[in-house]
């Protein structure tokens, strides 16, 4: 048997059908999922938005409009006609024209409560040009910005201000000689501690069973810089002029069932060096088991160890997920505590105290209209806890939800959910109910409410040299009731608009809170002709 990792749609089907199974899997639940995250549900892409088709019935909808639910794409009725593209490519002496893709996500949000009001916006834009040199050169640029639209408000003085950051800006030279990719510029290494750097990444062609990669450059702050004017003294002056990192790794794929990656890198920060390494193993096992295992090292110590196992229990009809994480050493004290996460350039540590955590999640479909989900986790400290840190290693989390699809034989989904979080000192419990109505594939409306209770102990702040001083900032019990309404509109396969309003009544506040959010996501795709500059070729997707 040959193949590779399953797509999102394939994984969803695999949870419902065991290996070699012939049981039906198409349902309203699977139809309602957006497996490839392109803004259209599986049912919309397969022309059966309600998931009502059964074996023996006539194919639903228009076969010409069917798209692949495993591949992020736009609607078939908006695709470019192949003949036009081929003619234009032939006219420019190319067999393939450059492609331009633009993705924009933006949000406007207004908050108001007894502290004050806040009105801000954020936007993220990604531009990709493929085949600038046919089959060999691509380019990507992305970045985001935050804007405070009512400056000098009293809602949150720390976050009041404007900021922007260039996330990615690189050229990708590929499929030239031994190169799978040679990326030059600002980029992320998502599967290696989310490293973000200005430099170069080289990788060999990914031919089984071995491939290699090397990278190096100047690290970039993973989080954006806080360039705001604080009202209190802040004397930490971080100089990153001499910082750099370099590393590499090897990938071994003995078969489609297994993938091993060993990577390592060295980072120099403020004249101090740190060495990190990891072994990452993805494995498909017989009888439907799948595991993701990660063992990470920091200098001479084990940084953390994690195993995520998933399995569909065919006889019980239950999807099972088990997650275990171990951090065997205290992190974040002394020299290691000089930044948020030990390294100023990435999230390397997590909780500061040595701890281990295990979590279990189950989901089961009853017929094709009822989904039951339950799960939780327990985190416990190991050895002596770091009592001088403010993130406790002791916690318990539990959640349960029931969803009814197409309730009362209408395009109406109803969900009831409960969540509980408990730490050494504090507890949080919340009950939420909401209903989503989908009159057609372009519109859906959600109406719901949450009832929450917080039980918070006074917080100890180190306000003087003699030790922490107890500061009672909250009431012992806080009850909160919050109704909300959300509407989503997809006028085309490329565009999605979302609006949401919520109101919160909290017994600890003198004034109710109100939040309104307006957001949109837009995907633009076209082909470019270089003979007349950036002349747009007719594209039915626009």
Protein backbone atom coordinates (compact mmCIF):
# COMPACT_ATOMS: atom_id res chain seq x y z
CA UNK A 1 0.00 0.00 0.00
CA UNK A 2 1.30 3.48 -0.84
CA UNK A 3 0.18 6.93 0.13
CA UNK A 4 0.77 9.60 2.77
CA UNK A 5 -0.83 11.47 5.58
CA UNK A 6 -4.56 11.78 5.25
CA UNK A 7 -6.16 15.08 4.40
CA UNK A 8 -8.51 16.79 6.84
CA UNK A 9 -11.48 15.28 5.03
CA UNK A 10 -9.85 11.85 5.00
CA UNK A 11 -9.20 12.04 8.72
CA UNK A 12 -12.83 12.95 9.36
CA UNK A 13 -13.97 9.95 7.30
CA UNK A 14 -11.43 7.71 9.04
CA UNK A 15 -13.02 8.51 12.39
CA UNK A 16 -16.32 7.14 11.07
CA UNK A 17 -15.17 4.18 8.98
CA UNK A 18 -12.65 1.63 10.20
CA UNK A 19 -9.99 0.03 8.04
CA UNK A 20 -11.70 -2.13 5.44
CA UNK A 21 -15.11 -1.02 6.70
CA UNK A 22 -18.08 -0.57 4.41
CA UNK A 23 -20.39 1.27 6.76
CA UNK A 24 -21.92 4.55 5.47
CA UNK A 25 -20.16 7.70 6.63
CA UNK A 26 -21.82 10.61 4.82
CA UNK A 27 -24.02 12.53 7.23
CA UNK A 28 -25.17 16.00 8.23
CA UNK A 29 -22.31 16.12 10.74
CA UNK A 30 -19.61 15.48 8.13
CA UNK A 31 -21.36 17.81 5.67
CA UNK A 32 -21.26 20.65 8.20
CA UNK A 33 -17.47 20.46 8.64
CA UNK A 34 -15.06 22.62 6.61
CA UNK A 35 -12.23 20.06 6.33
CA UNK A 36 -9.94 22.15 4.11
CA UNK A 37 -10.70 25.50 5.84
CA UNK A 38 -11.54 27.32 2.61
CA UNK A 39 -14.75 28.86 3.93
CA UNK A 40 -17.08 26.28 2.37
CA UNK A 41 -18.39 23.20 4.18
CA UNK A 42 -17.87 19.67 2.84
CA UNK A 43 -21.56 19.53 1.99
CA UNK A 44 -21.39 22.79 0.03
CA UNK A 45 -18.41 21.54 -1.95
CA UNK A 46 -20.12 18.20 -2.73
CA UNK A 47 -23.46 19.87 -3.58
CA UNK A 48 -25.22 18.31 -0.58
CA UNK A 49 -25.06 21.02 2.14
CA UNK A 50 -27.50 19.21 4.44
CA UNK A 51 -25.77 15.83 4.17
CA UNK A 52 -29.00 14.02 3.23
CA UNK A 53 -27.72 11.98 0.24
CA UNK A 54 -27.80 8.18 0.64
CA UNK A 55 -26.56 5.32 -1.53
CA UNK A 56 -28.95 4.70 -4.41
CA UNK A 57 -30.19 8.28 -4.57
CA UNK A 58 -29.54 10.56 -7.55
CA UNK A 59 -26.37 12.64 -7.29
CA UNK A 60 -27.27 15.93 -5.58
CA UNK A 61 -26.86 19.39 -7.07
CA UNK A 62 -24.90 20.25 -10.21
CA UNK A 63 -21.93 17.90 -10.85
CA UNK A 64 -20.12 20.77 -12.64
CA UNK A 65 -20.01 22.70 -9.37
CA UNK A 66 -18.50 19.92 -7.23
CA UNK A 67 -15.12 20.75 -5.65
CA UNK A 68 -12.67 18.70 -3.58
CA UNK A 69 -13.42 18.96 0.19
CA UNK A 70 -9.79 17.98 0.90
CA UNK A 71 -8.23 20.89 -1.01
CA UNK A 72 -8.69 24.57 -0.16
CA UNK A 73 -10.17 26.04 -3.31
CA UNK A 74 -12.85 28.35 -4.61
CA UNK A 75 -16.19 27.34 -6.11
CA UNK A 76 -16.11 25.53 -9.43
CA UNK A 77 -18.47 28.05 -10.99
CA UNK A 78 -15.81 30.74 -10.36
CA UNK A 79 -12.87 28.87 -11.89
CA UNK A 80 -10.78 30.08 -14.81
CA UNK A 81 -11.56 28.49 -18.12
CA UNK A 82 -8.59 26.33 -19.05
CA UNK A 83 -8.61 27.25 -22.73
CA UNK A 84 -8.18 30.96 -22.01
CA UNK A 85 -5.24 30.29 -19.71
CA UNK A 86 -3.58 27.91 -22.17
CA UNK A 87 -3.97 30.44 -24.99
CA UNK A 88 -2.44 33.21 -22.91
CA UNK A 89 0.39 30.98 -21.74
CA UNK A 90 1.17 30.03 -25.34
CA UNK A 91 1.19 33.69 -26.34
CA UNK A 92 3.81 34.48 -23.69
CA UNK A 93 5.98 31.51 -24.62
CA UNK A 94 5.25 29.70 -21.37
CA UNK A 95 3.46 26.47 -20.57
CA UNK A 96 2.35 27.84 -17.21
CA UNK A 97 1.41 31.40 -16.24
CA UNK A 98 2.36 33.06 -12.94
CA UNK A 99 -0.36 32.88 -10.31
CA UNK A 100 -1.23 35.66 -7.89
CA UNK A 101 -3.05 34.93 -4.64
CA UNK A 102 -4.03 37.54 -2.07
CA UNK A 103 -5.57 36.64 1.30
CA UNK A 104 -6.87 39.38 3.58
CA UNK A 105 -8.34 39.01 7.07
CA UNK A 106 -9.51 42.05 9.00
CA UNK A 107 -11.47 42.83 12.15
CA UNK A 108 -13.00 45.89 13.77
CA UNK A 109 -13.95 45.54 17.43
CA UNK A 110 -15.62 47.83 19.93
CA UNK A 111 -15.63 47.10 23.69
CA UNK A 112 -17.28 49.09 26.44
CA UNK A 113 -17.50 48.40 30.19
CA UNK A 114 -17.19 50.23 33.51
CA UNK A 115 -13.46 50.85 32.93
CA UNK A 116 -13.99 52.64 29.63
CA UNK A 117 -14.31 51.94 25.93
CA UNK A 118 -11.93 50.63 23.31
CA UNK A 119 -12.27 50.65 19.53
CA UNK A 120 -9.52 48.96 17.56
CA UNK A 121 -8.81 47.18 14.31
CA UNK A 122 -6.46 44.53 13.07
CA UNK A 123 -5.61 43.18 9.64
CA UNK A 124 -3.50 40.41 8.16
CA UNK A 125 -2.53 40.26 4.48
CA UNK A 126 -0.66 37.55 2.58
CA UNK A 127 0.45 37.87 -1.06
CA UNK A 128 1.81 34.89 -2.97
CA UNK A 129 3.12 34.83 -6.54
CA UNK A 130 3.86 31.37 -7.92
CA UNK A 131 5.93 30.58 -11.02
CA UNK A 132 7.60 33.97 -11.40
CA UNK A 133 10.17 31.79 -13.14
CA UNK A 134 8.22 28.85 -14.44
CA UNK A 135 8.35 25.89 -12.01
CA UNK A 136 11.30 27.43 -10.17
CA UNK A 137 10.66 30.74 -8.38
CA UNK A 138 7.86 31.83 -6.02
CA UNK A 139 7.50 34.82 -3.72
CA UNK A 140 5.52 35.41 -0.54
CA UNK A 141 4.93 38.57 1.51
CA UNK A 142 2.71 38.74 4.58
CA UNK A 143 2.21 41.03 7.54
CA UNK A 144 -0.29 42.41 10.00
CA UNK A 145 -1.15 45.59 11.82
CA UNK A 146 -3.05 46.81 14.89
CA UNK A 147 -4.71 50.20 15.14
CA UNK A 148 -6.24 51.98 18.12
CA UNK A 149 -9.20 53.92 16.70
CA UNK A 150 -10.11 55.92 19.80
CA UNK A 151 -6.79 56.93 21.30
CA UNK A 152 -6.44 58.06 24.91
CA UNK A 153 -9.28 55.83 26.04
CA UNK A 154 -9.25 54.22 29.47
CA UNK A 155 -9.92 50.64 28.48
CA UNK A 156 -6.38 49.32 28.32
CA UNK A 157 -3.57 51.86 28.35
CA UNK A 158 -0.90 49.24 27.67
CA UNK A 159 -2.46 48.12 24.39
CA UNK A 160 -3.52 51.56 23.18
CA UNK A 161 -1.37 52.36 20.18
CA UNK A 162 -0.57 51.35 16.62
CA UNK A 163 1.84 48.63 15.56
CA UNK A 164 2.66 46.61 12.48
CA UNK A 165 5.04 43.83 11.60
CA UNK A 166 6.28 42.15 8.47
CA UNK A 167 5.70 38.43 9.05
CA UNK A 168 7.15 36.92 5.88
CA UNK A 169 9.01 38.30 2.86
CA UNK A 170 11.00 35.70 0.96
CA UNK A 171 11.88 34.30 -2.46
CA UNK A 172 11.55 30.54 -2.85
CA UNK A 173 13.82 28.97 -5.47
CA UNK A 174 12.87 25.32 -5.94
CA UNK A 175 13.42 22.28 -8.15
CA UNK A 176 16.82 23.43 -9.42
CA UNK A 177 19.51 20.76 -9.25
CA UNK A 178 19.64 19.34 -5.69
CA UNK A 179 17.39 22.06 -4.27
CA UNK A 180 13.92 21.25 -3.09
CA UNK A 181 13.78 24.80 -1.74
CA UNK A 182 16.16 27.69 -1.21
CA UNK A 183 14.28 30.38 0.68
CA UNK A 184 15.88 33.79 1.13
CA UNK A 185 14.33 36.44 3.38
CA UNK A 186 12.07 36.67 6.41
CA UNK A 187 10.33 33.35 7.13
CA UNK A 188 8.98 30.93 9.74
CA UNK A 189 10.04 27.39 10.55
CA UNK A 190 6.66 26.22 11.80
CA UNK A 191 7.72 22.69 12.69
CA UNK A 192 10.83 23.76 14.63
CA UNK A 193 9.68 25.75 17.68
CA UNK A 194 8.02 28.38 15.45
CA UNK A 195 11.43 29.91 14.66
CA UNK A 196 11.11 33.29 12.93
CA UNK A 197 14.24 34.69 11.29
CA UNK A 198 15.78 36.77 8.51
CA UNK A 199 18.07 34.49 6.55
CA UNK A 200 18.22 31.40 4.38
CA UNK A 201 16.67 27.92 4.43
CA UNK A 202 18.00 25.18 2.16
CA UNK A 203 16.44 21.74 1.79
CA UNK A 204 17.09 18.79 -0.49
CA UNK A 205 14.46 17.16 -2.64
CA UNK A 206 12.10 15.10 -0.51
CA UNK A 207 12.81 11.72 -2.02
CA UNK A 208 12.24 8.74 0.22
CA UNK A 209 13.62 7.80 2.52
CA UNK A 210 15.94 10.75 3.35
CA UNK A 211 15.94 14.55 3.04
CA UNK A 212 18.02 17.25 4.74
CA UNK A 213 17.70 20.94 5.56
CA UNK A 214 19.94 23.76 6.86
CA UNK A 215 19.01 27.26 8.00
CA UNK A 216 20.58 30.33 9.54
CA UNK A 217 20.19 34.05 10.03
CA UNK A 218 19.10 36.72 12.46
CA UNK A 219 16.17 35.78 14.71
CA UNK A 220 13.05 37.95 14.68
CA UNK A 221 10.83 38.62 17.68
CA UNK A 222 8.11 35.97 17.54
CA UNK A 223 5.69 38.34 19.26
CA UNK A 224 5.39 41.88 18.01
CA UNK A 225 7.35 44.60 19.85
CA UNK A 226 5.49 46.61 22.46
CA UNK A 227 6.47 50.11 21.48
CA UNK A 228 3.90 51.75 23.72
CA UNK A 229 4.43 54.51 26.24
CA UNK A 230 4.01 52.92 29.65
CA UNK A 231 2.92 55.08 32.57
CA UNK A 232 5.34 53.28 34.86
CA UNK A 233 9.10 52.92 34.71
CA UNK A 234 10.31 50.10 32.52
CA UNK A 235 14.09 49.97 32.51
CA UNK A 236 14.62 46.73 30.56
CA UNK A 237 16.64 47.58 27.45
CA UNK A 238 17.02 44.60 25.13
CA UNK A 239 19.72 44.84 22.46
CA UNK A 240 19.32 42.31 19.65
CA UNK A 241 22.00 43.62 17.30
CA UNK A 242 24.37 40.69 17.87
CA UNK A 243 21.77 37.91 17.99
CA UNK A 244 21.87 35.04 15.47
CA UNK A 245 20.83 31.42 15.03
CA UNK A 246 21.73 28.50 12.81
CA UNK A 247 20.78 24.85 12.60
CA UNK A 248 19.52 22.00 10.49
CA UNK A 249 17.97 18.59 10.47
CA UNK A 250 17.19 15.36 8.71
CA UNK A 251 13.86 13.75 7.77
CA UNK A 252 13.56 9.97 7.40
CA UNK A 253 10.48 8.33 5.87
CA UNK A 254 10.94 4.55 5.89
CA UNK A 255 7.35 4.13 4.64
CA UNK A 256 4.12 6.05 4.29
CA UNK A 257 3.27 5.00 7.84
CA UNK A 258 6.22 6.69 9.54
CA UNK A 259 8.01 10.04 9.51
CA UNK A 260 10.99 10.85 11.74
CA UNK A 261 12.59 14.28 12.02
CA UNK A 262 15.70 15.14 14.03
CA UNK A 263 16.50 18.86 14.18
CA UNK A 264 18.83 21.10 16.19
CA UNK A 265 19.91 24.72 16.30
CA UNK A 266 22.13 27.12 18.22
CA UNK A 267 20.94 30.61 19.18
CA UNK A 268 23.09 33.48 20.43
CA UNK A 269 21.13 36.05 22.46
CA UNK A 270 22.70 38.93 24.39
CA UNK A 271 26.14 37.27 24.24
CA UNK A 272 24.73 34.04 25.70
CA UNK A 273 24.28 30.88 23.67
CA UNK A 274 21.57 28.21 23.85
CA UNK A 275 21.42 24.84 22.12
CA UNK A 276 18.11 23.16 21.31
CA UNK A 277 17.36 19.82 19.66
CA UNK A 278 14.36 17.58 19.07
CA UNK A 279 13.17 14.23 17.76
CA UNK A 280 9.70 14.25 16.17
CA UNK A 281 7.99 11.01 15.17
CA UNK A 282 4.65 10.60 13.37
CA UNK A 283 3.42 7.01 13.03
CA UNK A 284 0.37 5.23 11.64
CA UNK A 285 -0.09 1.90 13.42
CA UNK A 286 -2.16 -1.17 12.54
CA UNK A 287 -5.79 -1.19 13.64
CA UNK A 288 -6.19 2.55 13.10
CA UNK A 289 -3.88 3.96 15.77
CA UNK A 290 -1.89 7.13 15.05
CA UNK A 291 0.74 8.74 17.31
CA UNK A 292 2.65 12.02 17.25
CA UNK A 293 5.68 11.92 19.56
CA UNK A 294 8.06 14.79 20.37
CA UNK A 295 11.15 14.73 22.60
CA UNK A 296 12.86 18.12 22.94
CA UNK A 297 16.18 19.04 24.57
CA UNK A 298 17.55 22.35 25.84
CA UNK A 299 21.31 22.43 26.38
CA UNK A 300 22.04 19.29 28.43
CA UNK A 301 18.51 18.75 29.75
CA UNK A 302 15.23 17.31 28.51
CA UNK A 303 13.00 20.27 27.75
CA UNK A 304 9.76 18.31 27.40
CA UNK A 305 8.24 15.08 26.10
CA UNK A 306 4.81 14.69 24.46
CA UNK A 307 2.77 11.85 22.97
CA UNK A 308 -0.56 12.43 21.18
CA UNK A 309 -2.44 9.22 20.27
CA UNK A 310 -5.67 9.00 18.25
CA UNK A 311 -7.85 6.01 17.44
CA UNK A 312 -11.36 5.26 16.23
CA UNK A 313 -12.91 2.47 18.33
CA UNK A 314 -14.99 0.77 15.68
CA UNK A 315 -17.13 -1.46 17.91
CA UNK A 316 -18.12 1.41 20.17
CA UNK A 317 -18.27 4.03 17.43
CA UNK A 318 -16.08 6.38 19.50
CA UNK A 319 -13.22 8.62 18.43
CA UNK A 320 -10.49 8.63 21.10
CA UNK A 321 -7.64 11.11 21.65
CA UNK A 322 -5.06 10.80 24.45
CA UNK A 323 -2.43 13.47 25.08
CA UNK A 324 0.45 13.18 27.58
CA UNK A 325 3.06 15.91 28.22
CA UNK A 326 6.01 15.91 30.63
CA UNK A 327 8.24 18.85 31.55
CA UNK A 328 10.88 17.47 33.94
CA UNK A 329 12.64 20.69 34.94
CA UNK A 330 11.81 24.08 36.46
CA UNK A 331 12.12 26.84 33.86
CA UNK A 332 12.00 30.60 34.00
CA UNK A 333 14.10 31.49 37.07
CA UNK A 334 17.29 33.50 37.32
CA UNK A 335 18.94 34.14 33.96
CA UNK A 336 16.32 31.97 32.28
CA UNK A 337 13.56 34.32 33.46
CA UNK A 338 14.84 37.43 31.74
CA UNK A 339 12.23 37.12 28.97
CA UNK A 340 8.73 35.76 28.52
CA UNK A 341 9.73 32.33 27.33
CA UNK A 342 13.45 31.83 27.98
CA UNK A 343 14.17 32.84 24.41
CA UNK A 344 12.96 36.22 23.19
CA UNK A 345 12.29 34.67 19.80
CA UNK A 346 9.93 31.79 20.39
CA UNK A 347 7.71 29.86 22.73
CA UNK A 348 10.16 27.27 24.04
CA UNK A 349 9.02 26.50 27.53
CA UNK A 350 5.37 26.68 28.55
CA UNK A 351 4.74 26.31 32.31
CA UNK A 352 7.73 27.25 34.44
CA UNK A 353 7.38 24.57 37.12
CA UNK A 354 8.22 20.94 36.42
CA UNK A 355 4.96 19.17 35.68
CA UNK A 356 3.17 16.49 33.73
CA UNK A 357 -0.25 16.56 32.09
CA UNK A 358 -2.58 13.96 30.64
CA UNK A 359 -5.71 14.71 28.65
CA UNK A 360 -8.42 12.51 27.11
CA UNK A 361 -11.11 13.46 24.59
CA UNK A 362 -13.94 11.30 23.22
CA UNK A 363 -16.51 11.96 20.52
CA UNK A 364 -19.39 9.77 19.35
CA UNK A 365 -22.08 10.16 16.73
CA UNK A 366 -25.50 8.73 17.53
CA UNK A 367 -27.10 8.19 14.11
CA UNK A 368 -26.31 11.12 11.85
CA UNK A 369 -27.91 13.86 13.91
CA UNK A 370 -26.47 13.67 17.41
CA UNK A 371 -22.84 14.29 18.40
CA UNK A 372 -21.60 13.78 21.96
CA UNK A 373 -18.18 15.07 23.04
CA UNK A 374 -16.51 14.80 26.43
CA UNK A 375 -12.95 15.29 27.63
CA UNK A 376 -10.64 16.73 30.20
CA UNK A 377 -7.09 17.00 31.46
CA UNK A 378 -5.17 16.93 34.71
CA UNK A 379 -1.88 18.74 35.26
CA UNK A 380 0.25 17.95 38.30
CA UNK A 381 3.56 19.31 39.52
CA UNK A 382 6.59 17.09 39.94
CA UNK A 383 9.02 17.56 42.81
CA UNK A 384 9.18 21.01 44.40
CA UNK A 385 6.95 23.53 42.69
CA UNK A 386 8.25 26.94 41.73
CA UNK A 387 6.19 28.83 44.31
CA UNK A 388 7.62 32.20 43.31
CA UNK A 389 6.10 31.97 39.84
CA UNK A 390 2.59 33.05 38.98
CA UNK A 391 1.46 30.21 36.75
CA UNK A 392 0.46 27.22 38.80
CA UNK A 393 1.37 23.74 37.61
CA UNK A 394 -1.71 22.24 39.31
CA UNK A 395 -4.90 22.33 37.26
CA UNK A 396 -7.93 20.29 36.19
CA UNK A 397 -10.02 20.86 33.09
CA UNK A 398 -13.30 19.18 32.08
CA UNK A 399 -15.67 19.80 29.17
CA UNK A 400 -18.74 18.11 27.72
CA UNK A 401 -21.08 19.05 24.86
CA UNK A 402 -24.03 17.66 22.93
CA UNK A 403 -24.91 18.83 19.41
CA UNK A 404 -28.15 18.08 17.59
CA UNK A 405 -27.89 18.53 13.81
CA UNK A 406 -30.96 19.44 11.74
CA UNK A 407 -33.17 19.66 14.80
CA UNK A 408 -36.89 19.30 14.11
CA UNK A 409 -35.93 18.38 10.53
CA UNK A 410 -34.86 21.98 9.90
CA UNK A 411 -31.41 23.37 8.98
CA UNK A 412 -30.93 24.13 12.67
CA UNK A 413 -28.03 22.88 14.83
CA UNK A 414 -28.34 23.14 18.62
CA UNK A 415 -25.42 22.77 21.03
CA UNK A 416 -25.29 22.60 24.84
CA UNK A 417 -21.86 22.70 26.48
CA UNK A 418 -20.34 22.78 29.97
CA UNK A 419 -16.76 23.62 30.93
CA UNK A 420 -14.91 23.61 34.26
CA UNK A 421 -11.35 24.74 35.04
CA UNK A 422 -9.80 24.41 38.48
CA UNK A 423 -6.35 25.44 39.70
CA UNK A 424 -4.89 25.40 43.21
CA UNK A 425 -6.58 28.70 44.11
CA UNK A 426 -9.20 29.52 41.49
CA UNK A 427 -12.12 27.88 39.72
CA UNK A 428 -14.12 28.70 36.61
CA UNK A 429 -17.36 27.08 35.44
CA UNK A 430 -19.39 27.93 32.38
CA UNK A 431 -22.58 26.65 30.73
CA UNK A 432 -23.26 27.67 27.13
CA UNK A 433 -26.12 27.01 24.75
CA UNK A 434 -26.43 28.18 21.17
CA UNK A 435 -28.41 27.43 18.02
CA UNK A 436 -27.22 27.92 14.43
CA UNK A 437 -29.73 28.32 11.59
CA UNK A 438 -28.59 27.86 7.98
CA UNK A 439 -31.37 28.87 5.55
CA UNK A 440 -28.96 28.43 2.60
CA UNK A 441 -25.22 27.87 2.01
CA UNK A 442 -24.51 31.61 1.98
CA UNK A 443 -26.01 32.57 5.35
CA UNK A 444 -25.97 31.24 8.89
CA UNK A 445 -27.15 32.82 12.13
CA UNK A 446 -26.14 31.85 15.67
CA UNK A 447 -27.95 32.89 18.84
CA UNK A 448 -26.81 31.79 22.28
CA UNK A 449 -25.88 32.66 25.83
CA UNK A 450 -23.27 31.75 28.46
CA UNK A 451 -23.62 31.63 32.23
CA UNK A 452 -20.28 31.66 34.06
CA UNK A 453 -19.03 31.69 37.64
CA UNK A 454 -15.52 32.65 38.72
CA UNK A 455 -14.18 31.89 42.19
CA UNK A 456 -10.95 33.83 42.57
CA UNK A 457 -8.69 34.03 45.60
CA UNK A 458 -6.83 37.26 46.33
CA UNK A 459 -3.67 37.68 44.24
CA UNK A 460 -0.24 38.04 45.87
CA UNK A 461 1.89 40.69 44.21
CA UNK A 462 5.58 41.29 45.14
CA UNK A 463 4.96 44.94 46.02
CA UNK A 464 7.77 45.37 48.56
CA UNK A 465 11.16 43.97 49.46
CA UNK A 466 9.82 42.20 52.56
CA UNK A 467 7.80 39.74 50.48
CA UNK A 468 4.50 39.53 48.63
CA UNK A 469 1.58 41.61 49.79
CA UNK A 470 -1.98 40.34 49.46
CA UNK A 471 -4.08 42.52 47.21
CA UNK A 472 -7.81 41.75 47.01
CA UNK A 473 -8.76 42.74 43.47
CA UNK A 474 -11.81 40.55 42.96
CA UNK A 475 -14.91 39.45 44.73
CA UNK A 476 -14.90 35.91 46.08
CA UNK A 477 -17.57 34.76 43.60
CA UNK A 478 -18.33 36.47 40.30
CA UNK A 479 -21.39 35.52 38.30
CA UNK A 480 -21.61 36.54 34.65
CA UNK A 481 -24.43 36.19 32.10
CA UNK A 482 -23.64 36.89 28.44
CA UNK A 483 -26.05 36.51 25.47
CA UNK A 484 -24.54 36.76 21.98
CA UNK A 485 -25.58 36.84 18.33
CA UNK A 486 -23.43 36.05 15.28
CA UNK A 487 -24.12 36.15 11.56
CA UNK A 488 -21.95 34.81 8.73
CA UNK A 489 -22.42 35.67 5.07
CA UNK A 490 -20.53 34.03 2.18
CA UNK A 491 -21.60 35.94 -0.95
CA UNK A 492 -18.95 34.09 -3.00
CA UNK A 493 -16.49 31.28 -2.44
CA UNK A 494 -13.78 33.91 -2.01
CA UNK A 495 -15.41 36.19 0.55
CA UNK A 496 -16.72 35.66 4.05
CA UNK A 497 -18.18 38.36 6.30
CA UNK A 498 -18.84 37.94 10.01
CA UNK A 499 -20.64 40.13 12.53
CA UNK A 500 -21.04 39.49 16.25
CA UNK A 501 -22.50 41.36 19.21
CA UNK A 502 -22.47 40.30 22.84
CA UNK A 503 -23.60 41.79 26.12
CA UNK A 504 -22.35 40.78 29.56
CA UNK A 505 -23.96 41.37 32.93
CA UNK A 506 -21.44 40.81 35.74
CA UNK A 507 -22.38 41.23 39.39
CA UNK A 508 -18.88 42.53 40.18
CA UNK A 509 -19.19 45.45 37.77
CA UNK A 510 -21.10 48.70 38.07
CA UNK A 511 -21.76 48.76 34.35
CA UNK A 512 -22.65 46.06 31.85
CA UNK A 513 -20.15 45.23 29.14
CA UNK A 514 -20.91 45.43 25.42
CA UNK A 515 -18.81 44.09 22.53
CA UNK A 516 -19.40 44.41 18.77
CA UNK A 517 -17.16 42.82 16.15
CA UNK A 518 -17.14 43.04 12.36
CA UNK A 519 -14.72 40.92 10.35
CA UNK A 520 -14.09 39.67 6.85
CA UNK A 521 -11.89 37.16 5.05
CA UNK A 522 -11.15 37.55 1.34
CA UNK A 523 -9.22 35.31 -1.06
CA UNK A 524 -8.27 36.65 -4.51
CA UNK A 525 -6.72 34.47 -7.22
CA UNK A 526 -5.76 35.25 -10.78
CA UNK A 527 -3.17 34.53 -13.45
CA UNK A 528 -0.64 37.09 -14.66
CA UNK A 529 0.80 37.74 -18.12
CA UNK A 530 4.35 39.09 -18.13
CA UNK A 531 4.40 40.20 -21.78
CA UNK A 532 2.22 43.24 -20.96
CA UNK A 533 3.28 43.68 -17.36
CA UNK A 534 0.77 42.69 -14.67
CA UNK A 535 -2.08 42.39 -17.10
CA UNK A 536 -4.90 40.39 -15.56
CA UNK A 537 -6.17 37.46 -17.52
CA UNK A 538 -9.94 36.94 -17.35
CA UNK A 539 -10.62 34.81 -14.33
CA UNK A 540 -14.11 33.64 -13.44
CA UNK A 541 -13.00 33.26 -9.84
CA UNK A 542 -12.89 37.04 -9.33
